[in-house]
Amino acid sequence: MRLGIFGGSFDPVHYGHLLLAESCLEQCQLDRLWFVPAAIPPHKQDRQLAPPSARVEMLKLALGGHSQIEVSETELKRGGVSYTIETLTEIQADHPDSQLFFLMGTDNLQYLPSWKQPEQLCSLASPIVVSRVGSGEPDFEQLTSVVSNERLAEIRQYQVIMPLIDLSSSEIRNRVAQGKSIRYHTPRAVEQYIKNQELYR
């Protein structure tokens, strides 16, 4: 099974996340894709996130029963700071016959060598690098310090182009806090959940 892992805080999930996931599913011919909400993202340790249960519920509402995409609570159950290598190691142990991929944006590619155990990470799973239309080619040379030339050639195959969609979770949170509309930023069910649960007020 070709299994894609999409990690993030998803606070809240929005149409950009969903379109990215569907683009990767289609263009990389993945069999399954998991959204994996982080317990504590390494780069967001100073920010209070919405409760894990709320972020999971919003993801489930957004996915609407998609047959190939689901939500994994792996990092939430483990707790603490969520490192990609630990998550992929756990998933690989539970699904030894799966070929793993992890999704990332072009802007994060430059930081991958500074992640925890990047060599082991790129050996365990293949990064799928997602770029938006018109944003230029990903700089895969950033990975020359952590992978062999042969492995780099393999990784280059997993490049995904998605339509330009300029949405962010932080903008949604700000709009809610200011009493502005978030219609068409996120699925209607998520919008209603945020309202009913009085999140981000």
C-alpha atoms as a PDB file:
ATOM      1  CA  MET A   1       0.000   0.000   0.000  1.00  0.00           C
ATOM      2  CA  ARG A   2       1.246   3.463  -0.903  1.00  0.00           C
ATOM      3  CA  LEU A   3       0.410   5.522   2.180  1.00  0.00           C
ATOM      4  CA  GLY A   4       0.758   9.310   2.353  1.00  0.00           C
ATOM      5  CA  ILE A   5       1.194  11.065   5.701  1.00  0.00           C
ATOM      6  CA  PHE A   6       0.086  14.699   6.000  1.00  0.00           C
ATOM      7  CA  GLY A   7       1.122  16.213   9.312  1.00  0.00           C
ATOM      8  CA  GLY A   8       0.260  19.616  10.715  1.00  0.00           C
ATOM      9  CA  SER A   9      -1.675  21.415  13.413  1.00  0.00           C
ATOM     10  CA  PHE A  10      -4.805  21.809  11.228  1.00  0.00           C
ATOM     11  CA  ASP A  11      -6.047  24.578  13.499  1.00  0.00           C
ATOM     12  CA  PRO A  12      -8.400  24.704  11.660  1.00  0.00           C
ATOM     13  CA  VAL A  13      -8.318  22.640   8.475  1.00  0.00           C
ATOM     14  CA  HIS A  14      -9.144  24.639   5.324  1.00  0.00           C
ATOM     15  CA  TYR A  15      -9.667  24.094   1.598  1.00  0.00           C
ATOM     16  CA  GLY A  16      -5.943  24.526   0.908  1.00  0.00           C
ATOM     17  CA  HIS A  17      -5.159  21.476   3.049  1.00  0.00           C
ATOM     18  CA  LEU A  18      -7.873  19.436   1.343  1.00  0.00           C
ATOM     19  CA  LEU A  19      -6.827  20.378  -2.178  1.00  0.00           C
ATOM     20  CA  LEU A  20      -3.182  19.602  -1.372  1.00  0.00           C
ATOM     21  CA  ALA A  21      -4.153  16.165  -0.069  1.00  0.00           C
ATOM     22  CA  GLU A  22      -6.301  15.334  -3.083  1.00  0.00           C
ATOM     23  CA  SER A  23      -3.585  16.539  -5.483  1.00  0.00           C
ATOM     24  CA  CYS A  24      -1.019  14.251  -3.829  1.00  0.00           C
ATOM     25  CA  LEU A  25      -3.423  11.324  -3.759  1.00  0.00           C
ATOM     26  CA  GLU A  26      -4.036  11.655  -7.485  1.00  0.00           C
ATOM     27  CA  GLN A  27      -0.646  12.699  -8.864  1.00  0.00           C
ATOM     28  CA  CYS A  28       1.434  10.255  -6.782  1.00  0.00           C
ATOM     29  CA  GLN A  29      -1.106   7.439  -7.115  1.00  0.00           C
ATOM     30  CA  LEU A  30      -1.407   6.917  -3.375  1.00  0.00           C
ATOM     31  CA  ASP A  31      -3.730   4.209  -2.109  1.00  0.00           C
ATOM     32  CA  ARG A  32      -4.436   5.945   1.191  1.00  0.00           C
ATOM     33  CA  LEU A  33      -3.666   9.270   2.819  1.00  0.00           C
ATOM     34  CA  TRP A  34      -3.748  10.117   6.515  1.00  0.00           C
ATOM     35  CA  PHE A  35      -4.116  13.543   8.060  1.00  0.00           C
ATOM     36  CA  VAL A  36      -2.033  13.392  11.251  1.00  0.00           C
ATOM     37  CA  PRO A  37      -2.774  16.335  13.572  1.00  0.00           C
ATOM     38  CA  ALA A  38       0.167  17.186  15.810  1.00  0.00           C
ATOM     39  CA  ALA A  39      -0.009  17.163  19.596  1.00  0.00           C
ATOM     40  CA  ILE A  40       2.587  19.951  19.850  1.00  0.00           C
ATOM     41  CA  PRO A  41       4.233  21.059  16.581  1.00  0.00           C
ATOM     42  CA  PRO A  42       7.992  21.671  17.117  1.00  0.00           C
ATOM     43  CA  HIS A  43       7.769  25.161  15.585  1.00  0.00           C
ATOM     44  CA  LYS A  44       4.587  26.162  17.441  1.00  0.00           C
ATOM     45  CA  GLN A  45       5.399  25.224  21.030  1.00  0.00           C
ATOM     46  CA  ASP A  46       4.609  28.738  22.233  1.00  0.00           C
ATOM     47  CA  ARG A  47       1.063  28.828  20.798  1.00  0.00           C
ATOM     48  CA  GLN A  48      -2.086  27.426  22.372  1.00  0.00           C
ATOM     49  CA  LEU A  49      -3.874  25.179  19.908  1.00  0.00           C
ATOM     50  CA  ALA A  50      -7.552  24.282  19.825  1.00  0.00           C
ATOM     51  CA  PRO A  51      -8.224  21.072  21.803  1.00  0.00           C
ATOM     52  CA  PRO A  52      -7.106  17.888  20.016  1.00  0.00           C
ATOM     53  CA  SER A  53     -10.665  16.554  19.982  1.00  0.00           C
ATOM     54  CA  ALA A  54     -11.851  19.706  18.188  1.00  0.00           C
ATOM     55  CA  ARG A  55      -9.126  19.547  15.546  1.00  0.00           C
ATOM     56  CA  VAL A  56      -9.857  15.876  14.903  1.00  0.00           C
ATOM     57  CA  GLU A  57     -13.595  16.513  14.641  1.00  0.00           C
ATOM     58  CA  MET A  58     -13.065  19.400  12.188  1.00  0.00           C
ATOM     59  CA  LEU A  59     -10.881  17.176  10.018  1.00  0.00           C
ATOM     60  CA  LYS A  60     -13.499  14.430   9.987  1.00  0.00           C
ATOM     61  CA  LEU A  61     -16.210  16.923   9.091  1.00  0.00           C
ATOM     62  CA  ALA A  62     -14.055  18.368   6.315  1.00  0.00           C
ATOM     63  CA  LEU A  63     -13.273  14.972   4.802  1.00  0.00           C
ATOM     64  CA  GLY A  64     -16.922  14.007   4.723  1.00  0.00           C
ATOM     65  CA  GLY A  65     -16.313  10.262   4.544  1.00  0.00           C
ATOM     66  CA  HIS A  66     -13.690  10.346   1.754  1.00  0.00           C
ATOM     67  CA  SER A  67     -12.994   6.707   0.893  1.00  0.00           C
ATOM     68  CA  GLN A  68      -9.194   7.074   0.668  1.00  0.00           C
ATOM     69  CA  ILE A  69      -8.443   9.757   3.251  1.00  0.00           C
ATOM     70  CA  GLU A  70      -8.775   9.447   7.009  1.00  0.00           C
ATOM     71  CA  VAL A  71      -7.595  11.020  10.252  1.00  0.00           C
ATOM     72  CA  SER A  72      -4.891   9.363  12.348  1.00  0.00           C
ATOM     73  CA  GLU A  73      -4.546  10.266  16.022  1.00  0.00           C
ATOM     74  CA  THR A  74      -1.052   8.731  16.260  1.00  0.00           C
ATOM     75  CA  GLU A  75       0.671  11.922  17.427  1.00  0.00           C
ATOM     76  CA  LEU A  76      -2.167  13.020  19.698  1.00  0.00           C
ATOM     77  CA  LYS A  77      -2.122   9.668  21.526  1.00  0.00           C
ATOM     78  CA  ARG A  78       1.662   9.779  21.877  1.00  0.00           C
ATOM     79  CA  GLY A  79       1.538  13.351  23.196  1.00  0.00           C
ATOM     80  CA  GLY A  80       4.425  15.752  23.605  1.00  0.00           C
ATOM     81  CA  VAL A  81       6.276  17.449  20.774  1.00  0.00           C
ATOM     82  CA  SER A  82       5.425  15.764  17.462  1.00  0.00           C
ATOM     83  CA  TYR A  83       8.465  14.817  15.391  1.00  0.00           C
ATOM     84  CA  THR A  84       7.919  13.383  11.911  1.00  0.00           C
ATOM     85  CA  ILE A  85      10.585  10.684  12.298  1.00  0.00           C
ATOM     86  CA  GLU A  86       8.912   9.287  15.424  1.00  0.00           C
ATOM     87  CA  THR A  87       5.517   9.241  13.729  1.00  0.00           C
ATOM     88  CA  LEU A  88       6.776   7.529  10.582  1.00  0.00           C
ATOM     89  CA  THR A  89       8.745   4.980  12.612  1.00  0.00           C
ATOM     90  CA  GLU A  90       5.594   4.096  14.562  1.00  0.00           C
ATOM     91  CA  ILE A  91       3.453   3.868  11.432  1.00  0.00           C
ATOM     92  CA  GLN A  92       6.038   1.731   9.620  1.00  0.00           C
ATOM     93  CA  ALA A  93       6.165  -0.669  12.585  1.00  0.00           C
ATOM     94  CA  ASP A  94       2.373  -1.015  12.509  1.00  0.00           C
ATOM     95  CA  HIS A  95       2.189  -1.250   8.697  1.00  0.00           C
ATOM     96  CA  PRO A  96       5.437  -2.947   7.593  1.00  0.00           C
ATOM     97  CA  ASP A  97       4.143  -3.716   4.103  1.00  0.00           C
ATOM     98  CA  SER A  98       3.300  -0.077   3.322  1.00  0.00           C
ATOM     99  CA  GLN A  99       5.427   2.282   1.243  1.00  0.00           C
ATOM    100  CA  LEU A 100       5.395   5.574   3.147  1.00  0.00           C
ATOM    101  CA  PHE A 101       5.346   9.121   1.829  1.00  0.00           C
ATOM    102  CA  PHE A 102       5.148  12.378   3.754  1.00  0.00           C
ATOM    103  CA  LEU A 103       3.687  15.567   2.325  1.00  0.00           C
ATOM    104  CA  MET A 104       5.424  18.913   2.531  1.00  0.00           C
ATOM    105  CA  GLY A 105       5.299  22.297   0.841  1.00  0.00           C
ATOM    106  CA  THR A 106       8.124  23.674  -1.289  1.00  0.00           C
ATOM    107  CA  ASP A 107       8.745  26.356   1.343  1.00  0.00           C
ATOM    108  CA  ASN A 108       9.547  23.683   3.960  1.00  0.00           C
ATOM    109  CA  LEU A 109      11.998  21.801   1.751  1.00  0.00           C
ATOM    110  CA  GLN A 110      14.868  24.082   2.752  1.00  0.00           C
ATOM    111  CA  TYR A 111      14.312  23.239   6.425  1.00  0.00           C
ATOM    112  CA  LEU A 112      14.171  19.453   6.016  1.00  0.00           C
ATOM    113  CA  PRO A 113      17.930  18.944   6.632  1.00  0.00           C
ATOM    114  CA  SER A 114      17.475  20.585  10.066  1.00  0.00           C
ATOM    115  CA  TRP A 115      14.599  18.293  11.093  1.00  0.00           C
ATOM    116  CA  LYS A 116      15.187  15.539  13.613  1.00  0.00           C
ATOM    117  CA  GLN A 117      17.148  12.662  12.013  1.00  0.00           C
ATOM    118  CA  PRO A 118      16.654  13.814   8.391  1.00  0.00           C
ATOM    119  CA  GLU A 119      18.774  11.006   6.899  1.00  0.00           C
ATOM    120  CA  GLN A 120      16.702   8.309   8.575  1.00  0.00           C
ATOM    121  CA  LEU A 121      13.530  10.213   7.738  1.00  0.00           C
ATOM    122  CA  CYS A 122      14.263  10.266   3.997  1.00  0.00           C
ATOM    123  CA  SER A 123      15.240   6.596   4.133  1.00  0.00           C
ATOM    124  CA  LEU A 124      12.052   5.562   5.892  1.00  0.00           C
ATOM    125  CA  ALA A 125       9.677   7.556   3.682  1.00  0.00           C
ATOM    126  CA  SER A 126       9.736   9.623   0.509  1.00  0.00           C
ATOM    127  CA  PRO A 127       8.922  13.327   0.766  1.00  0.00           C
ATOM    128  CA  ILE A 128       6.243  14.497  -1.637  1.00  0.00           C
ATOM    129  CA  VAL A 129       7.089  18.108  -2.369  1.00  0.00           C
ATOM    130  CA  VAL A 130       4.068  20.216  -3.264  1.00  0.00           C
ATOM    131  CA  SER A 131       4.405  23.484  -5.151  1.00  0.00           C
ATOM    132  CA  ARG A 132       1.713  25.879  -6.279  1.00  0.00           C
ATOM    133  CA  VAL A 133       1.196  26.855  -9.895  1.00  0.00           C
ATOM    134  CA  GLY A 134       3.598  29.660 -10.780  1.00  0.00           C
ATOM    135  CA  SER A 135       5.801  29.258  -7.700  1.00  0.00           C
ATOM    136  CA  GLY A 136       8.760  27.783  -9.564  1.00  0.00           C
ATOM    137  CA  GLU A 137      10.647  24.514  -9.249  1.00  0.00           C
ATOM    138  CA  PRO A 138      11.440  23.062  -5.800  1.00  0.00           C
ATOM    139  CA  ASP A 139      15.119  23.282  -4.864  1.00  0.00           C
ATOM    140  CA  PHE A 140      15.833  19.596  -4.309  1.00  0.00           C
ATOM    141  CA  GLU A 141      19.538  20.376  -3.977  1.00  0.00           C
ATOM    142  CA  GLN A 142      18.685  21.270  -0.372  1.00  0.00           C
ATOM    143  CA  LEU A 143      18.683  17.514   0.284  1.00  0.00           C
ATOM    144  CA  THR A 144      22.169  16.708  -1.021  1.00  0.00           C
ATOM    145  CA  SER A 145      23.526  16.778   2.536  1.00  0.00           C
ATOM    146  CA  VAL A 146      21.115  14.096   3.775  1.00  0.00           C
ATOM    147  CA  VAL A 147      20.523  11.693   0.856  1.00  0.00           C
ATOM    148  CA  SER A 148      22.609  10.009  -1.822  1.00  0.00           C
ATOM    149  CA  ASN A 149      22.421  11.135  -5.444  1.00  0.00           C
ATOM    150  CA  GLU A 150      20.536   7.945  -6.269  1.00  0.00           C
ATOM    151  CA  ARG A 151      17.975   8.552  -3.541  1.00  0.00           C
ATOM    152  CA  LEU A 152      17.643  12.192  -4.568  1.00  0.00           C
ATOM    153  CA  ALA A 153      16.782  11.095  -8.108  1.00  0.00           C
ATOM    154  CA  GLU A 154      13.981   8.942  -6.675  1.00  0.00           C
ATOM    155  CA  ILE A 155      12.646  11.757  -4.518  1.00  0.00           C
ATOM    156  CA  ARG A 156      12.533  14.140  -7.478  1.00  0.00           C
ATOM    157  CA  GLN A 157       9.835  11.928  -8.996  1.00  0.00           C
ATOM    158  CA  TYR A 158       7.421  12.820  -6.214  1.00  0.00           C
ATOM    159  CA  GLN A 159       6.732  16.431  -7.074  1.00  0.00           C
ATOM    160  CA  VAL A 160       3.134  17.622  -7.045  1.00  0.00           C
ATOM    161  CA  ILE A 161       1.718  20.776  -8.595  1.00  0.00           C
ATOM    162  CA  MET A 162      -1.488  22.157  -7.105  1.00  0.00           C
ATOM    163  CA  PRO A 163      -3.612  25.180  -8.029  1.00  0.00           C
ATOM    164  CA  LEU A 164      -2.787  28.450  -6.330  1.00  0.00           C
ATOM    165  CA  ILE A 165      -5.046  28.840  -3.310  1.00  0.00           C
ATOM    166  CA  ASP A 166      -4.045  31.431  -0.749  1.00  0.00           C
ATOM    167  CA  LEU A 167      -5.605  30.323   2.527  1.00  0.00           C
ATOM    168  CA  SER A 168      -4.125  29.922   5.982  1.00  0.00           C
ATOM    169  CA  SER A 169      -5.318  28.667   9.351  1.00  0.00           C
ATOM    170  CA  SER A 170      -3.960  31.777  11.069  1.00  0.00           C
ATOM    171  CA  GLU A 171      -6.016  34.022   8.788  1.00  0.00           C
ATOM    172  CA  ILE A 172      -9.147  31.988   9.557  1.00  0.00           C
ATOM    173  CA  ARG A 173      -8.499  32.285  13.303  1.00  0.00           C
ATOM    174  CA  ASN A 174      -7.981  36.033  12.953  1.00  0.00           C
ATOM    175  CA  ARG A 175     -11.164  36.468  10.956  1.00  0.00           C
ATOM    176  CA  VAL A 176     -13.196  34.532  13.531  1.00  0.00           C
ATOM    177  CA  ALA A 177     -11.689  36.617  16.336  1.00  0.00           C
ATOM    178  CA  GLN A 178     -12.702  39.781  14.469  1.00  0.00           C
ATOM    179  CA  GLY A 179     -16.221  38.540  13.786  1.00  0.00           C
ATOM    180  CA  LYS A 180     -15.618  38.273  10.028  1.00  0.00           C
ATOM    181  CA  SER A 181     -16.944  35.619   7.664  1.00  0.00           C
ATOM    182  CA  ILE A 182     -14.923  32.479   6.933  1.00  0.00           C
ATOM    183  CA  ARG A 183     -17.392  31.205   4.331  1.00  0.00           C
ATOM    184  CA  TYR A 184     -15.576  29.405   1.480  1.00  0.00           C
ATOM    185  CA  HIS A 185     -12.324  29.334   3.487  1.00  0.00           C
ATOM    186  CA  THR A 186     -13.221  25.962   4.971  1.00  0.00           C
ATOM    187  CA  PRO A 187     -16.072  23.474   4.447  1.00  0.00           C
ATOM    188  CA  ARG A 188     -19.450  24.619   5.716  1.00  0.00           C
ATOM    189  CA  ALA A 189     -19.548  21.850   8.335  1.00  0.00           C
ATOM    190  CA  VAL A 190     -16.248  23.071   9.792  1.00  0.00           C
ATOM    191  CA  GLU A 191     -17.451  26.660   9.727  1.00  0.00           C
ATOM    192  CA  GLN A 192     -20.567  25.673  11.697  1.00  0.00           C
ATOM    193  CA  TYR A 193     -18.517  23.620  14.163  1.00  0.00           C
ATOM    194  CA  ILE A 194     -16.235  26.583  14.864  1.00  0.00           C
ATOM    195  CA  LYS A 195     -19.294  28.748  15.455  1.00  0.00           C
ATOM    196  CA  ASN A 196     -21.105  26.236  17.663  1.00  0.00           C
ATOM    197  CA  GLN A 197     -18.016  25.467  19.757  1.00  0.00           C
ATOM    198  CA  GLU A 198     -17.066  29.138  19.951  1.00  0.00           C
ATOM    199  CA  LEU A 199     -13.506  28.434  18.842  1.00  0.00           C
ATOM    200  CA  TYR A 200     -10.956  31.161  18.166  1.00  0.00           C
ATOM    201  CA  ARG A 201     -13.087  33.859  19.770  1.00  0.00           C
END
